[in-house]
C-alpha atoms as a PDB file:
ATOM      1  CA  UNK A   1      -4.103   9.691  -3.057  1.00  0.00           C
ATOM      2  CA  UNK A   2      -1.429   8.956  -5.673  1.00  0.00           C
ATOM      3  CA  UNK A   3      -1.781   5.220  -4.986  1.00  0.00           C
ATOM      4  CA  UNK A   4      -5.545   5.529  -5.381  1.00  0.00           C
ATOM      5  CA  UNK A   5      -5.010   7.177  -8.783  1.00  0.00           C
ATOM      6  CA  UNK A   6      -2.605   4.417  -9.833  1.00  0.00           C
ATOM      7  CA  UNK A   7      -4.988   1.635  -8.797  1.00  0.00           C
ATOM      8  CA  UNK A   8      -7.953   3.311 -10.521  1.00  0.00           C
ATOM      9  CA  UNK A   9      -5.921   3.779 -13.691  1.00  0.00           C
ATOM     10  CA  UNK A  10      -4.724   0.173 -13.680  1.00  0.00           C
ATOM     11  CA  UNK A  11      -8.227  -1.211 -13.158  1.00  0.00           C
ATOM     12  CA  UNK A  12      -9.770   0.907 -15.930  1.00  0.00           C
ATOM     13  CA  UNK A  13      -7.003   0.465 -18.478  1.00  0.00           C
ATOM     14  CA  UNK A  14      -7.297  -3.294 -17.976  1.00  0.00           C
ATOM     15  CA  UNK A  15     -10.837  -2.865 -19.347  1.00  0.00           C
ATOM     16  CA  UNK A  16      -9.619  -0.776 -22.317  1.00  0.00           C
ATOM     17  CA  UNK A  17     -10.955   2.472 -20.845  1.00  0.00           C
ATOM     18  CA  UNK A  18      -8.382   5.209 -21.613  1.00  0.00           C
ATOM     19  CA  UNK A  19      -7.322   7.475 -18.755  1.00  0.00           C
ATOM     20  CA  UNK A  20      -5.663  10.881 -18.980  1.00  0.00           C
ATOM     21  CA  UNK A  21      -4.264  13.038 -16.158  1.00  0.00           C
ATOM     22  CA  UNK A  22      -4.180  16.788 -15.723  1.00  0.00           C
ATOM     23  CA  UNK A  23      -2.159  18.221 -12.833  1.00  0.00           C
ATOM     24  CA  UNK A  24      -4.410  20.840 -11.253  1.00  0.00           C
ATOM     25  CA  UNK A  25      -1.572  21.703  -8.886  1.00  0.00           C
ATOM     26  CA  UNK A  26      -0.026  23.578 -11.822  1.00  0.00           C
ATOM     27  CA  UNK A  27      -2.330  26.329 -13.104  1.00  0.00           C
ATOM     28  CA  UNK A  28      -0.266  26.680 -16.292  1.00  0.00           C
ATOM     29  CA  UNK A  29      -0.433  22.972 -17.200  1.00  0.00           C
ATOM     30  CA  UNK A  30      -4.114  22.756 -16.292  1.00  0.00           C
ATOM     31  CA  UNK A  31      -5.024  25.771 -18.453  1.00  0.00           C
ATOM     32  CA  UNK A  32      -3.007  24.403 -21.359  1.00  0.00           C
ATOM     33  CA  UNK A  33      -5.177  21.257 -21.325  1.00  0.00           C
ATOM     34  CA  UNK A  34      -8.494  23.126 -21.050  1.00  0.00           C
ATOM     35  CA  UNK A  35      -9.178  23.576 -24.816  1.00  0.00           C
ATOM     36  CA  UNK A  36      -8.845  19.842 -25.462  1.00  0.00           C
ATOM     37  CA  UNK A  37     -10.967  18.962 -22.433  1.00  0.00           C
ATOM     38  CA  UNK A  38     -13.766  21.342 -23.408  1.00  0.00           C
ATOM     39  CA  UNK A  39     -14.000  19.836 -26.889  1.00  0.00           C
ATOM     40  CA  UNK A  40     -14.669  16.223 -25.885  1.00  0.00           C
ATOM     41  CA  UNK A  41     -17.262  14.531 -23.743  1.00  0.00           C
ATOM     42  CA  UNK A  42     -15.588  12.721 -20.850  1.00  0.00           C
ATOM     43  CA  UNK A  43     -15.958  11.614 -17.280  1.00  0.00           C
ATOM     44  CA  UNK A  44     -13.855  14.127 -15.327  1.00  0.00           C
ATOM     45  CA  UNK A  45     -12.789  13.248 -11.775  1.00  0.00           C
ATOM     46  CA  UNK A  46     -11.260  15.980  -9.639  1.00  0.00           C
ATOM     47  CA  UNK A  47      -9.408  14.418  -6.674  1.00  0.00           C
ATOM     48  CA  UNK A  48      -8.883  16.866  -3.801  1.00  0.00           C
ATOM     49  CA  UNK A  49      -8.278  17.140  -0.090  1.00  0.00           C
ATOM     50  CA  UNK A  50      -8.958  20.899   0.095  1.00  0.00           C
ATOM     51  CA  UNK A  51     -12.521  22.110  -0.427  1.00  0.00           C
ATOM     52  CA  UNK A  52     -11.564  25.654  -1.370  1.00  0.00           C
ATOM     53  CA  UNK A  53      -9.590  24.438  -4.373  1.00  0.00           C
ATOM     54  CA  UNK A  54     -12.794  22.770  -5.580  1.00  0.00           C
ATOM     55  CA  UNK A  55     -14.479  26.174  -5.266  1.00  0.00           C
ATOM     56  CA  UNK A  56     -11.721  27.874  -7.278  1.00  0.00           C
ATOM     57  CA  UNK A  57     -11.876  25.227 -10.005  1.00  0.00           C
ATOM     58  CA  UNK A  58     -15.690  25.141 -10.205  1.00  0.00           C
ATOM     59  CA  UNK A  59     -15.903  27.665 -13.116  1.00  0.00           C
ATOM     60  CA  UNK A  60     -13.537  25.488 -15.152  1.00  0.00           C
ATOM     61  CA  UNK A  61     -15.540  22.346 -14.469  1.00  0.00           C
ATOM     62  CA  UNK A  62     -18.694  24.194 -15.448  1.00  0.00           C
ATOM     63  CA  UNK A  63     -17.262  24.446 -18.985  1.00  0.00           C
ATOM     64  CA  UNK A  64     -16.453  20.763 -19.405  1.00  0.00           C
ATOM     65  CA  UNK A  65     -18.596  18.474 -21.525  1.00  0.00           C
ATOM     66  CA  UNK A  66     -19.654  15.117 -20.160  1.00  0.00           C
ATOM     67  CA  UNK A  67     -19.946  14.317 -16.473  1.00  0.00           C
ATOM     68  CA  UNK A  68     -17.958  15.931 -13.671  1.00  0.00           C
ATOM     69  CA  UNK A  69     -17.302  14.396 -10.266  1.00  0.00           C
ATOM     70  CA  UNK A  70     -15.584  15.911  -7.240  1.00  0.00           C
ATOM     71  CA  UNK A  71     -13.773  13.198  -5.249  1.00  0.00           C
ATOM     72  CA  UNK A  72     -13.086  14.268  -1.644  1.00  0.00           C
ATOM     73  CA  UNK A  73     -10.344  12.311   0.114  1.00  0.00           C
ATOM     74  CA  UNK A  74      -9.669  14.112   3.379  1.00  0.00           C
ATOM     75  CA  UNK A  75     -11.033  13.411   6.830  1.00  0.00           C
ATOM     76  CA  UNK A  76     -10.180  17.047   7.602  1.00  0.00           C
ATOM     77  CA  UNK A  77     -13.352  18.149   5.804  1.00  0.00           C
ATOM     78  CA  UNK A  78     -15.188  18.813   9.078  1.00  0.00           C
ATOM     79  CA  UNK A  79     -12.435  21.139  10.253  1.00  0.00           C
ATOM     80  CA  UNK A  80     -12.313  22.911   6.896  1.00  0.00           C
ATOM     81  CA  UNK A  81     -16.065  23.542   6.967  1.00  0.00           C
ATOM     82  CA  UNK A  82     -15.971  24.662  10.616  1.00  0.00           C
ATOM     83  CA  UNK A  83     -13.416  27.360   9.763  1.00  0.00           C
ATOM     84  CA  UNK A  84     -15.526  28.829   6.956  1.00  0.00           C
ATOM     85  CA  UNK A  85     -17.619  31.899   7.636  1.00  0.00           C
ATOM     86  CA  UNK A  86     -21.211  32.259   6.441  1.00  0.00           C
ATOM     87  CA  UNK A  87     -20.212  33.888   3.128  1.00  0.00           C
ATOM     88  CA  UNK A  88     -17.664  31.184   2.320  1.00  0.00           C
ATOM     89  CA  UNK A  89     -20.189  28.452   3.147  1.00  0.00           C
ATOM     90  CA  UNK A  90     -22.730  29.985   0.748  1.00  0.00           C
ATOM     91  CA  UNK A  91     -20.020  30.230  -1.890  1.00  0.00           C
ATOM     92  CA  UNK A  92     -19.068  26.588  -1.252  1.00  0.00           C
ATOM     93  CA  UNK A  93     -22.631  25.359  -1.762  1.00  0.00           C
ATOM     94  CA  UNK A  94     -23.048  27.377  -4.955  1.00  0.00           C
ATOM     95  CA  UNK A  95     -19.660  26.332  -6.379  1.00  0.00           C
ATOM     96  CA  UNK A  96     -19.973  22.622  -5.631  1.00  0.00           C
ATOM     97  CA  UNK A  97     -23.195  22.505  -7.619  1.00  0.00           C
ATOM     98  CA  UNK A  98     -20.948  22.983 -10.661  1.00  0.00           C
ATOM     99  CA  UNK A  99     -20.016  19.298 -10.249  1.00  0.00           C
ATOM    100  CA  UNK A 100     -22.568  16.684 -11.298  1.00  0.00           C
ATOM    101  CA  UNK A 101     -21.700  14.421  -8.367  1.00  0.00           C
ATOM    102  CA  UNK A 102     -19.603  14.331  -5.196  1.00  0.00           C
ATOM    103  CA  UNK A 103     -17.846  11.101  -4.224  1.00  0.00           C
ATOM    104  CA  UNK A 104     -16.477  11.006  -0.685  1.00  0.00           C
ATOM    105  CA  UNK A 105     -14.217   8.415   0.930  1.00  0.00           C
ATOM    106  CA  UNK A 106     -16.196   8.187   4.158  1.00  0.00           C
ATOM    107  CA  UNK A 107     -19.605   9.024   5.595  1.00  0.00           C
ATOM    108  CA  UNK A 108     -18.186  11.709   7.868  1.00  0.00           C
ATOM    109  CA  UNK A 109     -17.170  13.858   4.910  1.00  0.00           C
ATOM    110  CA  UNK A 110     -20.733  13.968   3.649  1.00  0.00           C
ATOM    111  CA  UNK A 111     -22.184  14.470   7.107  1.00  0.00           C
ATOM    112  CA  UNK A 112     -19.988  17.528   7.645  1.00  0.00           C
ATOM    113  CA  UNK A 113     -20.771  19.274   4.384  1.00  0.00           C
ATOM    114  CA  UNK A 114     -23.636  21.802   4.359  1.00  0.00           C
ATOM    115  CA  UNK A 115     -27.106  20.219   4.232  1.00  0.00           C
ATOM    116  CA  UNK A 116     -27.711  21.450   0.677  1.00  0.00           C
ATOM    117  CA  UNK A 117     -24.879  19.217  -0.596  1.00  0.00           C
ATOM    118  CA  UNK A 118     -25.353  15.996   1.355  1.00  0.00           C
ATOM    119  CA  UNK A 119     -27.965  14.421  -0.926  1.00  0.00           C
ATOM    120  CA  UNK A 120     -25.489  14.633  -3.832  1.00  0.00           C
ATOM    121  CA  UNK A 121     -22.813  12.492  -2.156  1.00  0.00           C
ATOM    122  CA  UNK A 122     -21.876   8.877  -2.855  1.00  0.00           C
ATOM    123  CA  UNK A 123     -19.456   7.154  -0.474  1.00  0.00           C
ATOM    124  CA  UNK A 124     -16.698   5.170  -2.208  1.00  0.00           C
ATOM    125  CA  UNK A 125     -13.433   3.547  -1.208  1.00  0.00           C
ATOM    126  CA  UNK A 126     -10.228   4.671  -2.965  1.00  0.00           C
ATOM    127  CA  UNK A 127      -8.808   1.136  -2.662  1.00  0.00           C
ATOM    128  CA  UNK A 128      -9.117  -1.343  -5.528  1.00  0.00           C
ATOM    129  CA  UNK A 129      -8.027  -4.855  -4.605  1.00  0.00           C
ATOM    130  CA  UNK A 130      -7.833  -5.918  -8.253  1.00  0.00           C
ATOM    131  CA  UNK A 131      -4.975  -3.464  -8.796  1.00  0.00           C
ATOM    132  CA  UNK A 132      -3.224  -3.768  -5.412  1.00  0.00           C
ATOM    133  CA  UNK A 133       0.038  -5.743  -5.244  1.00  0.00           C
ATOM    134  CA  UNK A 134      -0.040  -8.398  -2.534  1.00  0.00           C
ATOM    135  CA  UNK A 135       3.157 -10.354  -1.869  1.00  0.00           C
ATOM    136  CA  UNK A 136       2.828 -13.801  -0.349  1.00  0.00           C
ATOM    137  CA  UNK A 137       6.437 -15.018  -0.506  1.00  0.00           C
ATOM    138  CA  UNK A 138       7.773 -12.777   2.296  1.00  0.00           C
ATOM    139  CA  UNK A 139       7.974 -14.374   5.770  1.00  0.00           C
ATOM    140  CA  UNK A 140       5.701 -12.697   8.325  1.00  0.00           C
ATOM    141  CA  UNK A 141       7.447 -11.177  11.341  1.00  0.00           C
ATOM    142  CA  UNK A 142       4.788 -11.082  14.115  1.00  0.00           C
ATOM    143  CA  UNK A 143       6.531  -8.358  16.142  1.00  0.00           C
ATOM    144  CA  UNK A 144       7.346  -6.158  13.147  1.00  0.00           C
ATOM    145  CA  UNK A 145       5.284  -2.948  12.981  1.00  0.00           C
ATOM    146  CA  UNK A 146       4.901  -0.306  10.271  1.00  0.00           C
ATOM    147  CA  UNK A 147       3.173   3.018   9.784  1.00  0.00           C
ATOM    148  CA  UNK A 148       2.928   5.578   6.976  1.00  0.00           C
ATOM    149  CA  UNK A 149       3.259   9.350   7.063  1.00  0.00           C
ATOM    150  CA  UNK A 150       2.852  11.943   4.345  1.00  0.00           C
ATOM    151  CA  UNK A 151       5.870  14.209   4.766  1.00  0.00           C
ATOM    152  CA  UNK A 152       5.721  13.839   8.537  1.00  0.00           C
ATOM    153  CA  UNK A 153       2.547  15.944   8.716  1.00  0.00           C
ATOM    154  CA  UNK A 154       1.303  16.353  12.264  1.00  0.00           C
ATOM    155  CA  UNK A 155      -2.036  14.555  11.872  1.00  0.00           C
ATOM    156  CA  UNK A 156      -0.263  11.317  10.895  1.00  0.00           C
ATOM    157  CA  UNK A 157       1.305  11.261  14.382  1.00  0.00           C
ATOM    158  CA  UNK A 158       4.483   9.391  13.450  1.00  0.00           C
ATOM    159  CA  UNK A 159       6.126  10.461  16.714  1.00  0.00           C
ATOM    160  CA  UNK A 160       3.203   8.996  18.630  1.00  0.00           C
ATOM    161  CA  UNK A 161       3.713   5.784  16.670  1.00  0.00           C
ATOM    162  CA  UNK A 162       7.351   5.701  17.782  1.00  0.00           C
ATOM    163  CA  UNK A 163       6.325   6.206  21.410  1.00  0.00           C
ATOM    164  CA  UNK A 164       3.737   3.449  21.018  1.00  0.00           C
ATOM    165  CA  UNK A 165       6.380   0.987  19.828  1.00  0.00           C
ATOM    166  CA  UNK A 166       8.692   1.977  22.695  1.00  0.00           C
ATOM    167  CA  UNK A 167       5.902   0.825  25.019  1.00  0.00           C
ATOM    168  CA  UNK A 168       5.240  -2.298  22.942  1.00  0.00           C
ATOM    169  CA  UNK A 169       8.921  -3.224  23.306  1.00  0.00           C
ATOM    170  CA  UNK A 170       8.478  -3.451  27.086  1.00  0.00           C
ATOM    171  CA  UNK A 171       6.424  -6.554  26.358  1.00  0.00           C
ATOM    172  CA  UNK A 172       7.923  -7.524  22.993  1.00  0.00           C
ATOM    173  CA  UNK A 173      11.661  -6.656  23.208  1.00  0.00           C
ATOM    174  CA  UNK A 174      12.179  -7.724  19.591  1.00  0.00           C
ATOM    175  CA  UNK A 175       9.527  -5.370  18.208  1.00  0.00           C
ATOM    176  CA  UNK A 176      10.593  -3.145  15.303  1.00  0.00           C
ATOM    177  CA  UNK A 177       8.998  -0.223  13.496  1.00  0.00           C
ATOM    178  CA  UNK A 178       9.310   0.752   9.822  1.00  0.00           C
ATOM    179  CA  UNK A 179       8.084   4.239   8.938  1.00  0.00           C
ATOM    180  CA  UNK A 180       7.020   4.599   5.315  1.00  0.00           C
ATOM    181  CA  UNK A 181       7.361   8.320   4.607  1.00  0.00           C
ATOM    182  CA  UNK A 182       6.324   9.828   1.292  1.00  0.00           C
ATOM    183  CA  UNK A 183       5.381  13.095  -0.356  1.00  0.00           C
ATOM    184  CA  UNK A 184       7.672  15.990   0.601  1.00  0.00           C
ATOM    185  CA  UNK A 185      11.046  15.306   2.223  1.00  0.00           C
ATOM    186  CA  UNK A 186      10.455  17.742   5.073  1.00  0.00           C
ATOM    187  CA  UNK A 187      12.352  18.678   8.248  1.00  0.00           C
ATOM    188  CA  UNK A 188       9.863  16.451  10.073  1.00  0.00           C
ATOM    189  CA  UNK A 189      10.981  13.459   7.970  1.00  0.00           C
ATOM    190  CA  UNK A 190      14.595  14.351   8.678  1.00  0.00           C
ATOM    191  CA  UNK A 191      13.846  14.333  12.413  1.00  0.00           C
ATOM    192  CA  UNK A 192      12.439  10.832  12.040  1.00  0.00           C
ATOM    193  CA  UNK A 193      15.671   9.783  10.334  1.00  0.00           C
ATOM    194  CA  UNK A 194      17.722  11.284  13.175  1.00  0.00           C
ATOM    195  CA  UNK A 195      15.660   9.314  15.691  1.00  0.00           C
ATOM    196  CA  UNK A 196      16.249   6.136  13.695  1.00  0.00           C
ATOM    197  CA  UNK A 197      20.017   6.706  13.932  1.00  0.00           C
ATOM    198  CA  UNK A 198      19.886   6.183  17.707  1.00  0.00           C
ATOM    199  CA  UNK A 199      17.107   3.586  17.828  1.00  0.00           C
ATOM    200  CA  UNK A 200      18.266   0.358  16.131  1.00  0.00           C
ATOM    201  CA  UNK A 201      14.721  -1.016  16.104  1.00  0.00           C
ATOM    202  CA  UNK A 202      13.460   1.928  14.013  1.00  0.00           C
ATOM    203  CA  UNK A 203      13.915   2.465  10.260  1.00  0.00           C
ATOM    204  CA  UNK A 204      12.627   5.145   7.903  1.00  0.00           C
ATOM    205  CA  UNK A 205      12.010   4.633   4.184  1.00  0.00           C
ATOM    206  CA  UNK A 206      11.205   7.631   1.995  1.00  0.00           C
ATOM    207  CA  UNK A 207       9.171   7.363  -1.226  1.00  0.00           C
ATOM    208  CA  UNK A 208       9.698   3.606  -1.395  1.00  0.00           C
ATOM    209  CA  UNK A 209       8.522   2.061  -4.703  1.00  0.00           C
ATOM    210  CA  UNK A 210       5.268   0.044  -4.654  1.00  0.00           C
ATOM    211  CA  UNK A 211       6.980  -3.347  -4.628  1.00  0.00           C
ATOM    212  CA  UNK A 212       9.056  -2.334  -1.600  1.00  0.00           C
ATOM    213  CA  UNK A 213       5.974  -1.062   0.235  1.00  0.00           C
ATOM    214  CA  UNK A 214       4.226  -4.309  -0.602  1.00  0.00           C
ATOM    215  CA  UNK A 215       7.166  -6.289   0.822  1.00  0.00           C
ATOM    216  CA  UNK A 216       7.122  -4.248   4.042  1.00  0.00           C
ATOM    217  CA  UNK A 217       3.393  -4.860   4.480  1.00  0.00           C
ATOM    218  CA  UNK A 218       3.828  -8.572   3.706  1.00  0.00           C
ATOM    219  CA  UNK A 219       6.322  -9.062   6.529  1.00  0.00           C
ATOM    220  CA  UNK A 220       4.573  -6.706   8.981  1.00  0.00           C
ATOM    221  CA  UNK A 221       2.729  -8.201  11.915  1.00  0.00           C
ATOM    222  CA  UNK A 222       0.903  -4.983  12.866  1.00  0.00           C
ATOM    223  CA  UNK A 223       0.261  -1.871  10.813  1.00  0.00           C
ATOM    224  CA  UNK A 224      -0.235   1.246  12.955  1.00  0.00           C
ATOM    225  CA  UNK A 225      -2.546   4.057  11.871  1.00  0.00           C
ATOM    226  CA  UNK A 226      -2.476   6.630  14.721  1.00  0.00           C
ATOM    227  CA  UNK A 227      -4.001   9.452  12.663  1.00  0.00           C
ATOM    228  CA  UNK A 228      -5.940  12.398  14.079  1.00  0.00           C
ATOM    229  CA  UNK A 229      -8.362  12.084  11.170  1.00  0.00           C
ATOM    230  CA  UNK A 230      -8.635   9.959   8.060  1.00  0.00           C
ATOM    231  CA  UNK A 231     -10.693   9.334   4.984  1.00  0.00           C
ATOM    232  CA  UNK A 232     -10.499   5.745   3.788  1.00  0.00           C
ATOM    233  CA  UNK A 233      -6.800   4.964   3.671  1.00  0.00           C
ATOM    234  CA  UNK A 234      -5.521   2.890   0.770  1.00  0.00           C
ATOM    235  CA  UNK A 235      -2.514   1.687   2.742  1.00  0.00           C
ATOM    236  CA  UNK A 236      -4.728   0.443   5.593  1.00  0.00           C
ATOM    237  CA  UNK A 237      -6.687  -1.625   3.089  1.00  0.00           C
ATOM    238  CA  UNK A 238      -3.439  -2.843   1.522  1.00  0.00           C
ATOM    239  CA  UNK A 239      -2.088  -3.831   4.937  1.00  0.00           C
ATOM    240  CA  UNK A 240      -5.246  -5.832   5.612  1.00  0.00           C
ATOM    241  CA  UNK A 241      -5.048  -7.464   2.182  1.00  0.00           C
ATOM    242  CA  UNK A 242      -1.451  -8.469   2.905  1.00  0.00           C
ATOM    243  CA  UNK A 243      -2.543 -10.250   6.108  1.00  0.00           C
ATOM    244  CA  UNK A 244      -1.271  -7.731   8.680  1.00  0.00           C
ATOM    245  CA  UNK A 245      -3.266  -6.788  11.752  1.00  0.00           C
ATOM    246  CA  UNK A 246      -4.204  -3.098  11.642  1.00  0.00           C
ATOM    247  CA  UNK A 247      -4.367  -1.076  14.865  1.00  0.00           C
ATOM    248  CA  UNK A 248      -5.747   2.423  14.365  1.00  0.00           C
ATOM    249  CA  UNK A 249      -6.970   5.388  16.341  1.00  0.00           C
ATOM    250  CA  UNK A 250     -10.722   5.506  16.828  1.00  0.00           C
ATOM    251  CA  UNK A 251     -10.778   9.099  15.540  1.00  0.00           C
ATOM    252  CA  UNK A 252     -12.221   8.154  12.129  1.00  0.00           C
ATOM    253  CA  UNK A 253     -14.233   5.428  10.377  1.00  0.00           C
ATOM    254  CA  UNK A 254     -12.075   2.347   9.796  1.00  0.00           C
ATOM    255  CA  UNK A 255     -12.449  -0.727   7.571  1.00  0.00           C
ATOM    256  CA  UNK A 256     -14.054  -3.799   9.083  1.00  0.00           C
ATOM    257  CA  UNK A 257     -11.563  -5.815  11.113  1.00  0.00           C
ATOM    258  CA  UNK A 258      -9.347  -2.920  12.197  1.00  0.00           C
ATOM    259  CA  UNK A 259      -8.509  -2.944  15.926  1.00  0.00           C
ATOM    260  CA  UNK A 260      -9.478   0.416  17.456  1.00  0.00           C
ATOM    261  CA  UNK A 261      -7.868   2.355  20.301  1.00  0.00           C
ATOM    262  CA  UNK A 262      -7.888   5.918  21.648  1.00  0.00           C
ATOM    263  CA  UNK A 263      -5.277   8.266  20.224  1.00  0.00           C
ATOM    264  CA  UNK A 264      -2.799   7.736  23.058  1.00  0.00           C
ATOM    265  CA  UNK A 265       0.443   5.754  23.094  1.00  0.00           C
ATOM    266  CA  UNK A 266      -0.429   3.528  26.036  1.00  0.00           C
ATOM    267  CA  UNK A 267      -3.832   2.588  24.639  1.00  0.00           C
ATOM    268  CA  UNK A 268      -2.407   1.911  21.190  1.00  0.00           C
ATOM    269  CA  UNK A 269       0.354  -0.270  22.684  1.00  0.00           C
ATOM    270  CA  UNK A 270      -2.193  -2.336  24.594  1.00  0.00           C
ATOM    271  CA  UNK A 271      -4.222  -2.763  21.407  1.00  0.00           C
ATOM    272  CA  UNK A 272      -1.101  -4.022  19.611  1.00  0.00           C
ATOM    273  CA  UNK A 273      -0.124  -6.579  22.251  1.00  0.00           C
ATOM    274  CA  UNK A 274      -3.527  -7.559  23.636  1.00  0.00           C
ATOM    275  CA  UNK A 275      -6.102  -6.585  21.009  1.00  0.00           C
ATOM    276  CA  UNK A 276      -9.190  -4.485  21.502  1.00  0.00           C
ATOM    277  CA  UNK A 277     -12.554  -3.538  19.996  1.00  0.00           C
ATOM    278  CA  UNK A 278     -12.806  -4.152  16.268  1.00  0.00           C
ATOM    279  CA  UNK A 279     -14.388  -1.899  13.649  1.00  0.00           C
ATOM    280  CA  UNK A 280     -17.443  -3.185  11.800  1.00  0.00           C
ATOM    281  CA  UNK A 281     -16.675  -0.916   8.837  1.00  0.00           C
ATOM    282  CA  UNK A 282     -19.488   1.530   9.565  1.00  0.00           C
ATOM    283  CA  UNK A 283     -19.009   4.803   7.710  1.00  0.00           C
ATOM    284  CA  UNK A 284     -16.937   3.344   4.870  1.00  0.00           C
ATOM    285  CA  UNK A 285     -17.952   1.811   1.570  1.00  0.00           C
ATOM    286  CA  UNK A 286     -17.030  -1.341  -0.297  1.00  0.00           C
ATOM    287  CA  UNK A 287     -17.793   0.315  -3.651  1.00  0.00           C
ATOM    288  CA  UNK A 288     -14.466   1.324  -5.190  1.00  0.00           C
ATOM    289  CA  UNK A 289     -13.764   4.329  -7.380  1.00  0.00           C
ATOM    290  CA  UNK A 290     -13.502   1.957 -10.332  1.00  0.00           C
ATOM    291  CA  UNK A 291     -16.919   0.499  -9.439  1.00  0.00           C
ATOM    292  CA  UNK A 292     -18.361   4.014  -9.366  1.00  0.00           C
ATOM    293  CA  UNK A 293     -16.842   4.749 -12.781  1.00  0.00           C
ATOM    294  CA  UNK A 294     -18.279   1.503 -14.139  1.00  0.00           C
ATOM    295  CA  UNK A 295     -21.715   2.631 -12.986  1.00  0.00           C
ATOM    296  CA  UNK A 296     -21.525   5.432 -15.577  1.00  0.00           C
ATOM    297  CA  UNK A 297     -19.581   3.320 -18.083  1.00  0.00           C
ATOM    298  CA  UNK A 298     -22.400   3.374 -20.628  1.00  0.00           C
ATOM    299  CA  UNK A 299     -21.873   7.131 -20.929  1.00  0.00           C
ATOM    300  CA  UNK A 300     -18.067   6.940 -20.963  1.00  0.00           C
ATOM    301  CA  UNK A 301     -16.716   4.014 -22.940  1.00  0.00           C
ATOM    302  CA  UNK A 302     -17.381   5.418 -26.443  1.00  0.00           C
ATOM    303  CA  UNK A 303     -15.674   8.646 -25.415  1.00  0.00           C
ATOM    304  CA  UNK A 304     -12.490   9.368 -23.474  1.00  0.00           C
ATOM    305  CA  UNK A 305     -12.030   9.285 -19.728  1.00  0.00           C
ATOM    306  CA  UNK A 306     -10.124  12.209 -18.226  1.00  0.00           C
ATOM    307  CA  UNK A 307      -9.109  13.172 -14.705  1.00  0.00           C
ATOM    308  CA  UNK A 308      -8.491  16.899 -14.357  1.00  0.00           C
END
């Protein structure tokens, strides 16, 4: 999500549209910005993975002048909705009407929200190719693989990715795996490092800068995405833009051209070495967040663009 913010900011600032950030993860900092936000008309984008935080922030967004948009990034939306009782679902519907629009990063997110909200949803992609670094001077290593994990969280299935590459190495003995970890440096990330100490074909990079990530993707032959759920992943789109083959679990909508496999090490390994069915992009959009902002540009450019 941070990369999505950076790409959106870069694309808009290149067009002289000012962008401000408010960290809603800090109640104190967010409240300190509220007086200034209330006084000016802006386009306000709230980027979230957790629906209930959108509910809690709805009264604040009801006070803001201009246009408010809730941007939902997480493929876990279906599970979040399923765990809500009847009262929470009614509260969700009422609260989300405080936002003028809802932008979601795949069709599944909209399909799993209550019926009363679905007509208000626009599907967008968080990836903006105009702001994505693509390196072309790094030699491609066909048997080099990479995957990304946010703090080693379980639904990214980094351990399954390692097991997949162990199986790939039975056919490609020179295969390697680079794990791009980011977010929180958790015990799960430390366990990945400990595994890398005894597996010379495995390396772990934590919070690598964008140019280093770009270099990894440029040399990667196959990018693995063995997630249990997903929205529309920026790094998958970046891997494709860099020329890597992407092999992903079939548990979520994937960009066109991604090779799909069941969420199982053997099936993923076969997809890496032999190929498999390819996604047609159904369920994802080609309209970027920046495109969606441009669609309301006539209301925004004379004012100031904020992102609480």
